[in-house]
PDB file of all heavy atoms in Angstrom:
ATOM      1  N   ASP A   1      21.505 -48.795  31.330  1.00  0.00           N
ATOM      2  CA  ASP A   1      22.310 -48.315  32.447  1.00  0.00           C
ATOM      3  C   ASP A   1      21.403 -47.898  33.641  1.00  0.00           C
ATOM      4  O   ASP A   1      21.863 -47.672  34.732  1.00  0.00           O
ATOM      5  CB  ASP A   1      23.266 -47.132  32.144  1.00  0.00           C
ATOM      6  CG  ASP A   1      22.587 -45.991  31.540  1.00  0.00           C
ATOM      7  OD1 ASP A   1      21.422 -45.944  31.438  1.00  0.00           O
ATOM      8  OD2 ASP A   1      23.397 -45.084  31.194  1.00  0.00           O
ATOM      9  N   ARG A   2      20.052 -47.841  33.355  1.00  0.00           N
ATOM     10  CA  ARG A   2      19.119 -47.524  34.345  1.00  0.00           C
ATOM     11  C   ARG A   2      17.787 -48.363  34.022  1.00  0.00           C
ATOM     12  O   ARG A   2      17.614 -48.638  32.912  1.00  0.00           O
ATOM     13  CB  ARG A   2      18.741 -45.976  34.351  1.00  0.00           C
ATOM     14  CG  ARG A   2      19.953 -45.187  34.657  1.00  0.00           C
ATOM     15  CD  ARG A   2      19.755 -43.675  34.903  1.00  0.00           C
ATOM     16  NE  ARG A   2      18.793 -43.360  35.957  1.00  0.00           N
ATOM     17  CZ  ARG A   2      19.147 -43.353  37.311  1.00  0.00           C
ATOM     18  NH1 ARG A   2      20.343 -43.821  37.628  1.00  0.00           N
ATOM     19  NH2 ARG A   2      18.280 -43.009  38.225  1.00  0.00           N
ATOM     20  N   VAL A   3      17.120 -48.683  35.158  1.00  0.00           N
ATOM     21  CA  VAL A   3      15.837 -49.523  34.873  1.00  0.00           C
ATOM     22  C   VAL A   3      14.754 -48.965  35.779  1.00  0.00           C
ATOM     23  O   VAL A   3      15.013 -48.401  36.772  1.00  0.00           O
ATOM     24  CB  VAL A   3      16.054 -51.064  35.145  1.00  0.00           C
ATOM     25  CG1 VAL A   3      17.025 -51.616  34.190  1.00  0.00           C
ATOM     26  CG2 VAL A   3      16.515 -51.250  36.578  1.00  0.00           C
ATOM     27  N   CYS A   4      13.567 -49.263  35.371  1.00  0.00           N
ATOM     28  CA  CYS A   4      12.318 -49.006  36.099  1.00  0.00           C
ATOM     29  C   CYS A   4      11.783 -50.460  36.475  1.00  0.00           C
ATOM     30  O   CYS A   4      11.965 -51.384  35.703  1.00  0.00           O
ATOM     31  CB  CYS A   4      11.259 -48.297  35.369  1.00  0.00           C
ATOM     32  SG  CYS A   4      11.641 -46.558  35.057  1.00  0.00           S
ATOM     33  N   VAL A   5      11.116 -50.512  37.575  1.00  0.00           N
ATOM     34  CA  VAL A   5      10.708 -51.900  38.060  1.00  0.00           C
ATOM     35  C   VAL A   5       9.186 -51.786  38.133  1.00  0.00           C
ATOM     36  O   VAL A   5       8.616 -50.950  38.848  1.00  0.00           O
ATOM     37  CB  VAL A   5      11.343 -52.315  39.385  1.00  0.00           C
ATOM     38  CG1 VAL A   5      10.782 -53.601  39.849  1.00  0.00           C
ATOM     39  CG2 VAL A   5      12.777 -52.476  39.219  1.00  0.00           C
ATOM     40  N   CYS A   6       8.461 -52.800  37.549  1.00  0.00           N
ATOM     41  CA  CYS A   6       7.004 -52.886  37.555  1.00  0.00           C
ATOM     42  C   CYS A   6       6.662 -53.942  38.550  1.00  0.00           C
ATOM     43  O   CYS A   6       7.224 -55.031  38.481  1.00  0.00           O
ATOM     44  CB  CYS A   6       6.409 -53.131  36.234  1.00  0.00           C
ATOM     45  SG  CYS A   6       6.732 -51.896  34.971  1.00  0.00           S
ATOM     46  N   ALA A   7       5.776 -53.724  39.429  1.00  0.00           N
ATOM     47  CA  ALA A   7       5.368 -54.723  40.406  1.00  0.00           C
ATOM     48  C   ALA A   7       3.779 -54.650  40.521  1.00  0.00           C
ATOM     49  O   ALA A   7       3.168 -53.644  40.094  1.00  0.00           O
ATOM     50  CB  ALA A   7       5.953 -54.430  41.808  1.00  0.00           C
ATOM     51  N   GLY A   8       3.173 -55.745  40.970  1.00  0.00           N
ATOM     52  CA  GLY A   8       1.735 -55.761  41.209  1.00  0.00           C
ATOM     53  C   GLY A   8       1.174 -57.014  40.721  1.00  0.00           C
ATOM     54  O   GLY A   8       1.859 -57.982  40.500  1.00  0.00           O
ATOM     55  N   GLU A   9      -0.123 -57.002  40.527  1.00  0.00           N
ATOM     56  CA  GLU A   9      -0.827 -58.228  40.054  1.00  0.00           C
ATOM     57  C   GLU A   9      -1.187 -58.102  38.559  1.00  0.00           C
ATOM     58  O   GLU A   9      -1.956 -57.120  38.290  1.00  0.00           O
ATOM     59  CB  GLU A   9      -2.030 -58.508  40.903  1.00  0.00           C
ATOM     60  CG  GLU A   9      -2.717 -59.752  40.642  1.00  0.00           C
ATOM     61  CD  GLU A   9      -3.883 -60.099  41.505  1.00  0.00           C
ATOM     62  OE1 GLU A   9      -4.009 -59.406  42.639  1.00  0.00           O
ATOM     63  OE2 GLU A   9      -4.723 -60.900  41.278  1.00  0.00           O
ATOM     64  N   PRO A  10      -0.768 -58.870  37.638  1.00  0.00           N
ATOM     65  CA  PRO A  10      -1.061 -58.663  36.259  1.00  0.00           C
ATOM     66  C   PRO A  10      -2.469 -58.538  35.942  1.00  0.00           C
ATOM     67  O   PRO A  10      -3.303 -59.272  36.411  1.00  0.00           O
ATOM     68  CB  PRO A  10      -0.504 -59.944  35.640  1.00  0.00           C
ATOM     69  CG  PRO A  10       0.537 -60.459  36.585  1.00  0.00           C
ATOM     70  CD  PRO A  10       0.110 -60.055  37.883  1.00  0.00           C
ATOM     71  N   ALA A  11      -2.866 -57.567  35.196  1.00  0.00           N
ATOM     72  CA  ALA A  11      -4.223 -57.306  34.680  1.00  0.00           C
ATOM     73  C   ALA A  11      -5.142 -56.835  35.793  1.00  0.00           C
ATOM     74  O   ALA A  11      -6.278 -56.586  35.626  1.00  0.00           O
ATOM     75  CB  ALA A  11      -4.760 -58.462  33.981  1.00  0.00           C
ATOM     76  N   VAL A  12      -4.529 -56.510  36.989  1.00  0.00           N
ATOM     77  CA  VAL A  12      -5.398 -56.089  38.139  1.00  0.00           C
ATOM     78  C   VAL A  12      -4.865 -54.682  38.570  1.00  0.00           C
ATOM     79  O   VAL A  12      -5.564 -53.704  38.582  1.00  0.00           O
ATOM     80  CB  VAL A  12      -5.352 -57.075  39.322  1.00  0.00           C
ATOM     81  CG1 VAL A  12      -6.173 -56.555  40.474  1.00  0.00           C
ATOM     82  CG2 VAL A  12      -5.970 -58.434  38.844  1.00  0.00           C
ATOM     83  N   SER A  13      -3.637 -54.666  39.001  1.00  0.00           N
ATOM     84  CA  SER A  13      -3.021 -53.434  39.522  1.00  0.00           C
ATOM     85  C   SER A  13      -1.504 -53.436  39.354  1.00  0.00           C
ATOM     86  O   SER A  13      -0.942 -54.523  39.298  1.00  0.00           O
ATOM     87  CB  SER A  13      -3.389 -53.175  41.011  1.00  0.00           C
ATOM     88  OG  SER A  13      -2.812 -54.115  41.846  1.00  0.00           O
ATOM     89  N   GLY A  14      -1.017 -52.333  39.249  1.00  0.00           N
ATOM     90  CA  GLY A  14       0.484 -52.225  39.046  1.00  0.00           C
ATOM     91  C   GLY A  14       1.058 -50.984  39.648  1.00  0.00           C
ATOM     92  O   GLY A  14       0.426 -50.069  39.987  1.00  0.00           O
ATOM     93  N   ASN A  15       2.384 -50.961  39.871  1.00  0.00           N
ATOM     94  CA  ASN A  15       3.139 -49.953  40.417  1.00  0.00           C
ATOM     95  C   ASN A  15       4.531 -49.851  39.728  1.00  0.00           C
ATOM     96  O   ASN A  15       5.209 -50.851  39.605  1.00  0.00           O
ATOM     97  CB  ASN A  15       3.344 -50.253  41.980  1.00  0.00           C
ATOM     98  CG  ASN A  15       4.092 -49.029  42.599  1.00  0.00           C
ATOM     99  OD1 ASN A  15       3.971 -47.835  42.248  1.00  0.00           O
ATOM    100  ND2 ASN A  15       4.922 -49.458  43.578  1.00  0.00           N
ATOM    101  N   LEU A  16       4.775 -48.641  39.183  1.00  0.00           N
ATOM    102  CA  LEU A  16       6.021 -48.446  38.474  1.00  0.00           C
ATOM    103  C   LEU A  16       6.980 -47.721  39.443  1.00  0.00           C
ATOM    104  O   LEU A  16       6.640 -46.673  40.061  1.00  0.00           O
ATOM    105  CB  LEU A  16       5.861 -47.599  37.256  1.00  0.00           C
ATOM    106  CG  LEU A  16       7.133 -47.332  36.479  1.00  0.00           C
ATOM    107  CD1 LEU A  16       7.697 -48.600  35.858  1.00  0.00           C
ATOM    108  CD2 LEU A  16       6.837 -46.289  35.405  1.00  0.00           C
ATOM    109  N   GLN A  17       8.204 -48.305  39.682  1.00  0.00           N
ATOM    110  CA  GLN A  17       9.181 -47.731  40.578  1.00  0.00           C
ATOM    111  C   GLN A  17      10.394 -47.328  39.792  1.00  0.00           C
ATOM    112  O   GLN A  17      10.865 -48.109  38.944  1.00  0.00           O
ATOM    113  CB  GLN A  17       9.519 -48.599  41.735  1.00  0.00           C
ATOM    114  CG  GLN A  17       8.377 -48.964  42.613  1.00  0.00           C
ATOM    115  CD  GLN A  17       8.686 -50.081  43.600  1.00  0.00           C
ATOM    116  OE1 GLN A  17       8.929 -51.219  43.183  1.00  0.00           O
ATOM    117  NE2 GLN A  17       8.791 -49.707  44.879  1.00  0.00           N
ATOM    118  N   GLY A  18      11.010 -46.223  40.089  1.00  0.00           N
ATOM    119  CA  GLY A  18      12.353 -45.953  39.442  1.00  0.00           C
ATOM    120  C   GLY A  18      12.258 -44.583  38.680  1.00  0.00           C
ATOM    121  O   GLY A  18      11.255 -43.869  38.920  1.00  0.00           O
ATOM    122  N   PRO A  19      13.198 -44.304  37.936  1.00  0.00           N
ATOM    123  CA  PRO A  19      14.250 -45.117  37.455  1.00  0.00           C
ATOM    124  C   PRO A  19      15.430 -45.330  38.598  1.00  0.00           C
ATOM    125  O   PRO A  19      15.538 -44.487  39.436  1.00  0.00           O
ATOM    126  CB  PRO A  19      14.842 -44.467  36.259  1.00  0.00           C
ATOM    127  CG  PRO A  19      14.569 -43.047  36.521  1.00  0.00           C
ATOM    128  CD  PRO A  19      13.238 -42.977  37.244  1.00  0.00           C
ATOM    129  N   PHE A  20      16.024 -46.511  38.485  1.00  0.00           N
ATOM    130  CA  PHE A  20      17.108 -46.901  39.323  1.00  0.00           C
ATOM    131  C   PHE A  20      18.366 -47.126  38.490  1.00  0.00           C
ATOM    132  O   PHE A  20      18.281 -47.437  37.312  1.00  0.00           O
ATOM    133  CB  PHE A  20      16.809 -48.121  40.068  1.00  0.00           C
ATOM    134  CG  PHE A  20      15.580 -48.112  40.943  1.00  0.00           C
ATOM    135  CD1 PHE A  20      14.335 -48.773  40.616  1.00  0.00           C
ATOM    136  CD2 PHE A  20      15.650 -47.507  42.161  1.00  0.00           C
ATOM    137  CE1 PHE A  20      13.268 -48.721  41.358  1.00  0.00           C
ATOM    138  CE2 PHE A  20      14.462 -47.468  43.033  1.00  0.00           C
ATOM    139  CZ  PHE A  20      13.305 -48.069  42.608  1.00  0.00           C
ATOM    140  N   SER A  21      19.485 -47.165  39.264  1.00  0.00           N
ATOM    141  CA  SER A  21      20.727 -47.642  38.611  1.00  0.00           C
ATOM    142  C   SER A  21      20.423 -49.112  38.304  1.00  0.00           C
ATOM    143  O   SER A  21      19.533 -49.759  38.956  1.00  0.00           O
ATOM    144  CB  SER A  21      21.902 -47.502  39.529  1.00  0.00           C
ATOM    145  OG  SER A  21      21.733 -48.360  40.672  1.00  0.00           O
ATOM    146  N   MET A  22      21.167 -49.773  37.484  1.00  0.00           N
ATOM    147  CA  MET A  22      20.961 -51.212  37.137  1.00  0.00           C
ATOM    148  C   MET A  22      21.077 -52.025  38.415  1.00  0.00           C
ATOM    149  O   MET A  22      20.302 -52.919  38.646  1.00  0.00           O
ATOM    150  CB  MET A  22      21.955 -51.679  36.111  1.00  0.00           C
ATOM    151  CG  MET A  22      21.698 -51.348  34.711  1.00  0.00           C
ATOM    152  SD  MET A  22      20.159 -52.115  34.094  1.00  0.00           S
ATOM    153  CE  MET A  22      20.667 -53.821  33.897  1.00  0.00           C
ATOM    154  N   GLU A  23      22.082 -51.682  39.238  1.00  0.00           N
ATOM    155  CA  GLU A  23      22.292 -52.503  40.506  1.00  0.00           C
ATOM    156  C   GLU A  23      21.178 -52.415  41.435  1.00  0.00           C
ATOM    157  O   GLU A  23      20.564 -53.423  41.874  1.00  0.00           O
ATOM    158  CB  GLU A  23      23.533 -52.055  41.209  1.00  0.00           C
ATOM    159  CG  GLU A  23      23.844 -52.847  42.469  1.00  0.00           C
ATOM    160  CD  GLU A  23      25.110 -52.356  43.128  1.00  0.00           C
ATOM    161  OE1 GLU A  23      25.854 -51.498  42.591  1.00  0.00           O
ATOM    162  OE2 GLU A  23      25.417 -52.891  44.280  1.00  0.00           O
ATOM    163  N   ASN A  24      20.659 -51.202  41.724  1.00  0.00           N
ATOM    164  CA  ASN A  24      19.566 -51.023  42.628  1.00  0.00           C
ATOM    165  C   ASN A  24      18.262 -51.515  42.107  1.00  0.00           C
ATOM    166  O   ASN A  24      17.453 -52.272  42.828  1.00  0.00           O
ATOM    167  CB  ASN A  24      19.490 -49.545  42.988  1.00  0.00           C
ATOM    168  CG  ASN A  24      20.558 -49.004  43.860  1.00  0.00           C
ATOM    169  OD1 ASN A  24      21.241 -49.837  44.453  1.00  0.00           O
ATOM    170  ND2 ASN A  24      20.792 -47.747  43.827  1.00  0.00           N
ATOM    171  N   GLY A  25      18.050 -51.261  40.733  1.00  0.00           N
ATOM    172  CA  GLY A  25      16.777 -51.781  40.196  1.00  0.00           C
ATOM    173  C   GLY A  25      16.722 -53.298  40.148  1.00  0.00           C
ATOM    174  O   GLY A  25      15.663 -53.885  40.416  1.00  0.00           O
ATOM    175  N   MET A  26      17.797 -53.897  39.727  1.00  0.00           N
ATOM    176  CA  MET A  26      17.810 -55.394  39.588  1.00  0.00           C
ATOM    177  C   MET A  26      17.800 -56.049  40.974  1.00  0.00           C
ATOM    178  O   MET A  26      17.126 -57.020  41.087  1.00  0.00           O
ATOM    179  CB  MET A  26      19.071 -55.897  38.809  1.00  0.00           C
ATOM    180  CG  MET A  26      18.911 -55.480  37.308  1.00  0.00           C
ATOM    181  SD  MET A  26      17.510 -56.257  36.485  1.00  0.00           S
ATOM    182  CE  MET A  26      17.929 -57.971  36.495  1.00  0.00           C
ATOM    183  N   ASN A  27      18.422 -55.423  41.879  1.00  0.00           N
ATOM    184  CA  ASN A  27      18.282 -55.942  43.275  1.00  0.00           C
ATOM    185  C   ASN A  27      16.800 -55.972  43.773  1.00  0.00           C
ATOM    186  O   ASN A  27      16.383 -56.909  44.353  1.00  0.00           O
ATOM    187  CB  ASN A  27      19.177 -55.237  44.309  1.00  0.00           C
ATOM    188  CG  ASN A  27      20.546 -55.731  44.296  1.00  0.00           C
ATOM    189  OD1 ASN A  27      20.886 -56.899  44.116  1.00  0.00           O
ATOM    190  ND2 ASN A  27      21.559 -54.824  44.499  1.00  0.00           N
ATOM    191  N   LEU A  28      16.086 -54.938  43.534  1.00  0.00           N
ATOM    192  CA  LEU A  28      14.659 -54.844  43.851  1.00  0.00           C
ATOM    193  C   LEU A  28      13.890 -55.891  43.106  1.00  0.00           C
ATOM    194  O   LEU A  28      13.080 -56.586  43.738  1.00  0.00           O
ATOM    195  CB  LEU A  28      14.167 -53.455  43.569  1.00  0.00           C
ATOM    196  CG  LEU A  28      12.686 -53.183  43.865  1.00  0.00           C
ATOM    197  CD1 LEU A  28      12.448 -53.269  45.387  1.00  0.00           C
ATOM    198  CD2 LEU A  28      12.310 -51.785  43.356  1.00  0.00           C
ATOM    199  N   PHE A  29      14.128 -55.985  41.831  1.00  0.00           N
ATOM    200  CA  PHE A  29      13.374 -56.878  40.973  1.00  0.00           C
ATOM    201  C   PHE A  29      13.682 -58.332  41.346  1.00  0.00           C
ATOM    202  O   PHE A  29      12.772 -59.141  41.556  1.00  0.00           O
ATOM    203  CB  PHE A  29      13.742 -56.636  39.466  1.00  0.00           C
ATOM    204  CG  PHE A  29      13.233 -57.654  38.581  1.00  0.00           C
ATOM    205  CD1 PHE A  29      11.832 -57.725  38.281  1.00  0.00           C
ATOM    206  CD2 PHE A  29      13.955 -58.602  37.908  1.00  0.00           C
ATOM    207  CE1 PHE A  29      11.298 -58.621  37.350  1.00  0.00           C
ATOM    208  CE2 PHE A  29      13.464 -59.478  37.022  1.00  0.00           C
ATOM    209  CZ  PHE A  29      12.075 -59.580  36.829  1.00  0.00           C
ATOM    210  N   LEU A  30      14.907 -58.684  41.549  1.00  0.00           N
ATOM    211  CA  LEU A  30      15.331 -60.075  41.924  1.00  0.00           C
ATOM    212  C   LEU A  30      14.970 -60.440  43.302  1.00  0.00           C
ATOM    213  O   LEU A  30      14.623 -61.671  43.567  1.00  0.00           O
ATOM    214  CB  LEU A  30      16.827 -60.269  41.745  1.00  0.00           C
ATOM    215  CG  LEU A  30      17.303 -60.078  40.285  1.00  0.00           C
ATOM    216  CD1 LEU A  30      18.906 -60.202  40.283  1.00  0.00           C
ATOM    217  CD2 LEU A  30      16.774 -61.222  39.419  1.00  0.00           C
ATOM    218  N   LYS A  31      14.855 -59.490  44.223  1.00  0.00           N
ATOM    219  CA  LYS A  31      14.431 -59.797  45.566  1.00  0.00           C
ATOM    220  C   LYS A  31      12.971 -60.349  45.513  1.00  0.00           C
ATOM    221  O   LYS A  31      12.602 -61.267  46.241  1.00  0.00           O
ATOM    222  CB  LYS A  31      14.512 -58.557  46.453  1.00  0.00           C
ATOM    223  CG  LYS A  31      14.042 -58.780  47.917  1.00  0.00           C
ATOM    224  CD  LYS A  31      14.244 -57.567  48.730  1.00  0.00           C
ATOM    225  CE  LYS A  31      13.863 -57.906  50.211  1.00  0.00           C
ATOM    226  NZ  LYS A  31      14.057 -56.663  51.069  1.00  0.00           N
ATOM    227  N   ASP A  32      12.176 -59.653  44.755  1.00  0.00           N
ATOM    228  CA  ASP A  32      10.713 -60.089  44.558  1.00  0.00           C
ATOM    229  C   ASP A  32      10.610 -61.534  44.021  1.00  0.00           C
ATOM    230  O   ASP A  32       9.789 -62.293  44.385  1.00  0.00           O
ATOM    231  CB  ASP A  32      10.014 -59.160  43.667  1.00  0.00           C
ATOM    232  CG  ASP A  32       8.490 -59.442  43.637  1.00  0.00           C
ATOM    233  OD1 ASP A  32       7.834 -59.573  44.688  1.00  0.00           O
ATOM    234  OD2 ASP A  32       7.893 -59.432  42.484  1.00  0.00           O
ATOM    235  N   LEU A  33      11.575 -61.862  43.115  1.00  0.00           N
ATOM    236  CA  LEU A  33      11.560 -63.249  42.550  1.00  0.00           C
ATOM    237  C   LEU A  33      12.273 -64.286  43.419  1.00  0.00           C
ATOM    238  O   LEU A  33      12.077 -65.467  43.253  1.00  0.00           O
ATOM    239  CB  LEU A  33      12.286 -63.223  41.151  1.00  0.00           C
ATOM    240  CG  LEU A  33      11.607 -62.394  40.085  1.00  0.00           C
ATOM    241  CD1 LEU A  33      12.525 -62.398  38.844  1.00  0.00           C
ATOM    242  CD2 LEU A  33      10.220 -62.901  39.751  1.00  0.00           C
ATOM    243  N   GLY A  34      13.086 -63.813  44.355  1.00  0.00           N
ATOM    244  CA  GLY A  34      13.840 -64.701  45.209  1.00  0.00           C
ATOM    245  C   GLY A  34      15.031 -65.434  44.628  1.00  0.00           C
ATOM    246  O   GLY A  34      15.383 -66.440  45.008  1.00  0.00           O
ATOM    247  N   ILE A  35      15.597 -64.819  43.587  1.00  0.00           N
ATOM    248  CA  ILE A  35      16.754 -65.349  42.883  1.00  0.00           C
ATOM    249  C   ILE A  35      17.982 -64.422  42.900  1.00  0.00           C
ATOM    250  O   ILE A  35      17.767 -63.173  43.171  1.00  0.00           O
ATOM    251  CB  ILE A  35      16.370 -65.845  41.423  1.00  0.00           C
ATOM    252  CG1 ILE A  35      15.899 -64.632  40.572  1.00  0.00           C
ATOM    253  CG2 ILE A  35      15.291 -66.840  41.500  1.00  0.00           C
ATOM    254  CD1 ILE A  35      15.655 -64.984  39.191  1.00  0.00           C
ATOM    255  N   THR A  36      19.104 -64.943  42.564  1.00  0.00           N
ATOM    256  CA  THR A  36      20.316 -64.072  42.460  1.00  0.00           C
ATOM    257  C   THR A  36      20.936 -64.399  41.077  1.00  0.00           C
ATOM    258  O   THR A  36      20.803 -65.365  40.459  1.00  0.00           O
ATOM    259  CB  THR A  36      21.349 -64.477  43.560  1.00  0.00           C
ATOM    260  OG1 THR A  36      21.665 -65.807  43.414  1.00  0.00           O
ATOM    261  CG2 THR A  36      20.746 -64.092  44.915  1.00  0.00           C
ATOM    262  N   PHE A  37      21.711 -63.359  40.596  1.00  0.00           N
ATOM    263  CA  PHE A  37      22.461 -63.445  39.356  1.00  0.00           C
ATOM    264  C   PHE A  37      23.929 -63.192  39.603  1.00  0.00           C
ATOM    265  O   PHE A  37      24.313 -62.317  40.427  1.00  0.00           O
ATOM    266  CB  PHE A  37      21.910 -62.365  38.290  1.00  0.00           C
ATOM    267  CG  PHE A  37      20.757 -62.945  37.447  1.00  0.00           C
ATOM    268  CD1 PHE A  37      19.556 -63.178  37.948  1.00  0.00           C
ATOM    269  CD2 PHE A  37      20.952 -63.120  36.108  1.00  0.00           C
ATOM    270  CE1 PHE A  37      18.481 -63.637  37.187  1.00  0.00           C
ATOM    271  CE2 PHE A  37      19.903 -63.680  35.327  1.00  0.00           C
ATOM    272  CZ  PHE A  37      18.673 -63.904  35.893  1.00  0.00           C
ATOM    273  N   ARG A  38      24.720 -63.785  38.758  1.00  0.00           N
ATOM    274  CA  ARG A  38      26.141 -63.624  38.731  1.00  0.00           C
ATOM    275  C   ARG A  38      26.557 -63.342  37.380  1.00  0.00           C
ATOM    276  O   ARG A  38      25.866 -63.567  36.388  1.00  0.00           O
ATOM    277  CB  ARG A  38      26.973 -64.779  39.301  1.00  0.00           C
ATOM    278  CG  ARG A  38      26.913 -66.017  38.351  1.00  0.00           C
ATOM    279  CD  ARG A  38      27.460 -67.259  38.955  1.00  0.00           C
ATOM    280  NE  ARG A  38      27.533 -68.330  38.001  1.00  0.00           N
ATOM    281  CZ  ARG A  38      26.531 -69.050  37.519  1.00  0.00           C
ATOM    282  NH1 ARG A  38      25.352 -68.807  38.026  1.00  0.00           N
ATOM    283  NH2 ARG A  38      26.700 -70.020  36.580  1.00  0.00           N
ATOM    284  N   ARG A  39      27.777 -62.811  37.131  1.00  0.00           N
ATOM    285  CA  ARG A  39      28.237 -62.710  35.732  1.00  0.00           C
ATOM    286  C   ARG A  39      29.259 -63.868  35.523  1.00  0.00           C
ATOM    287  O   ARG A  39      30.140 -64.143  36.244  1.00  0.00           O
ATOM    288  CB  ARG A  39      29.111 -61.383  35.592  1.00  0.00           C
ATOM    289  CG  ARG A  39      29.491 -61.106  34.211  1.00  0.00           C
ATOM    290  CD  ARG A  39      30.020 -59.873  33.835  1.00  0.00           C
ATOM    291  NE  ARG A  39      29.158 -58.709  34.056  1.00  0.00           N
ATOM    292  CZ  ARG A  39      28.205 -58.240  33.176  1.00  0.00           C
ATOM    293  NH1 ARG A  39      27.921 -58.848  32.131  1.00  0.00           N
ATOM    294  NH2 ARG A  39      27.561 -57.146  33.513  1.00  0.00           N
ATOM    295  N   ASP A  40      28.938 -64.559  34.393  1.00  0.00           N
ATOM    296  CA  ASP A  40      29.759 -65.715  33.941  1.00  0.00           C
ATOM    297  C   ASP A  40      31.285 -65.188  33.658  1.00  0.00           C
ATOM    298  O   ASP A  40      31.375 -64.180  32.984  1.00  0.00           O
ATOM    299  CB  ASP A  40      29.134 -66.353  32.666  1.00  0.00           C
ATOM    300  CG  ASP A  40      29.873 -67.631  32.284  1.00  0.00           C
ATOM    301  OD1 ASP A  40      30.916 -67.489  31.501  1.00  0.00           O
ATOM    302  OD2 ASP A  40      29.551 -68.702  32.734  1.00  0.00           O
ATOM    303  N   THR A  41      32.220 -65.959  34.258  1.00  0.00           N
ATOM    304  CA  THR A  41      33.594 -65.506  34.163  1.00  0.00           C
ATOM    305  C   THR A  41      34.179 -65.549  32.690  1.00  0.00           C
ATOM    306  O   THR A  41      34.939 -64.751  32.325  1.00  0.00           O
ATOM    307  CB  THR A  41      34.549 -66.263  35.044  1.00  0.00           C
ATOM    308  OG1 THR A  41      34.364 -67.722  34.755  1.00  0.00           O
ATOM    309  CG2 THR A  41      34.145 -65.973  36.479  1.00  0.00           C
ATOM    310  N   GLU A  42      33.633 -66.478  31.841  1.00  0.00           N
ATOM    311  CA  GLU A  42      34.043 -66.596  30.523  1.00  0.00           C
ATOM    312  C   GLU A  42      33.297 -65.744  29.486  1.00  0.00           C
ATOM    313  O   GLU A  42      33.928 -64.960  28.663  1.00  0.00           O
ATOM    314  CB  GLU A  42      34.037 -68.131  30.102  1.00  0.00           C
ATOM    315  CG  GLU A  42      35.105 -68.940  30.769  1.00  0.00           C
ATOM    316  CD  GLU A  42      35.097 -70.365  30.374  1.00  0.00           C
ATOM    317  OE1 GLU A  42      34.578 -70.670  29.229  1.00  0.00           O
ATOM    318  OE2 GLU A  42      35.498 -71.260  31.170  1.00  0.00           O
ATOM    319  N   SER A  43      31.943 -65.887  29.477  1.00  0.00           N
ATOM    320  CA  SER A  43      31.141 -65.174  28.487  1.00  0.00           C
ATOM    321  C   SER A  43      30.781 -63.748  29.043  1.00  0.00           C
ATOM    322  O   SER A  43      30.309 -62.932  28.149  1.00  0.00           O
ATOM    323  CB  SER A  43      29.898 -65.973  28.165  1.00  0.00           C
ATOM    324  OG  SER A  43      29.030 -65.923  29.324  1.00  0.00           O
ATOM    325  N   HIS A  44      30.859 -63.477  30.291  1.00  0.00           N
ATOM    326  CA  HIS A  44      30.466 -62.250  30.912  1.00  0.00           C
ATOM    327  C   HIS A  44      28.942 -61.977  30.842  1.00  0.00           C
ATOM    328  O   HIS A  44      28.532 -60.849  31.009  1.00  0.00           O
ATOM    329  CB  HIS A  44      31.161 -61.025  30.395  1.00  0.00           C
ATOM    330  CG  HIS A  44      32.701 -61.131  30.390  1.00  0.00           C
ATOM    331  ND1 HIS A  44      33.401 -61.040  31.587  1.00  0.00           N
ATOM    332  CD2 HIS A  44      33.645 -61.394  29.470  1.00  0.00           C
ATOM    333  CE1 HIS A  44      34.686 -61.178  31.374  1.00  0.00           C
ATOM    334  NE2 HIS A  44      34.864 -61.549  30.202  1.00  0.00           N
TER     335      HIS A  44
END
């Protein structure tokens, strides 16, 4: 129900942000990836 987001360059440097609500944390994470997610209407 809450997430932390790790960002940075693997094995070089990193930054831990959060904890965030799922919505805010996932929005931050997905923005970095440039993708979006939806909930499937049948399987959820």
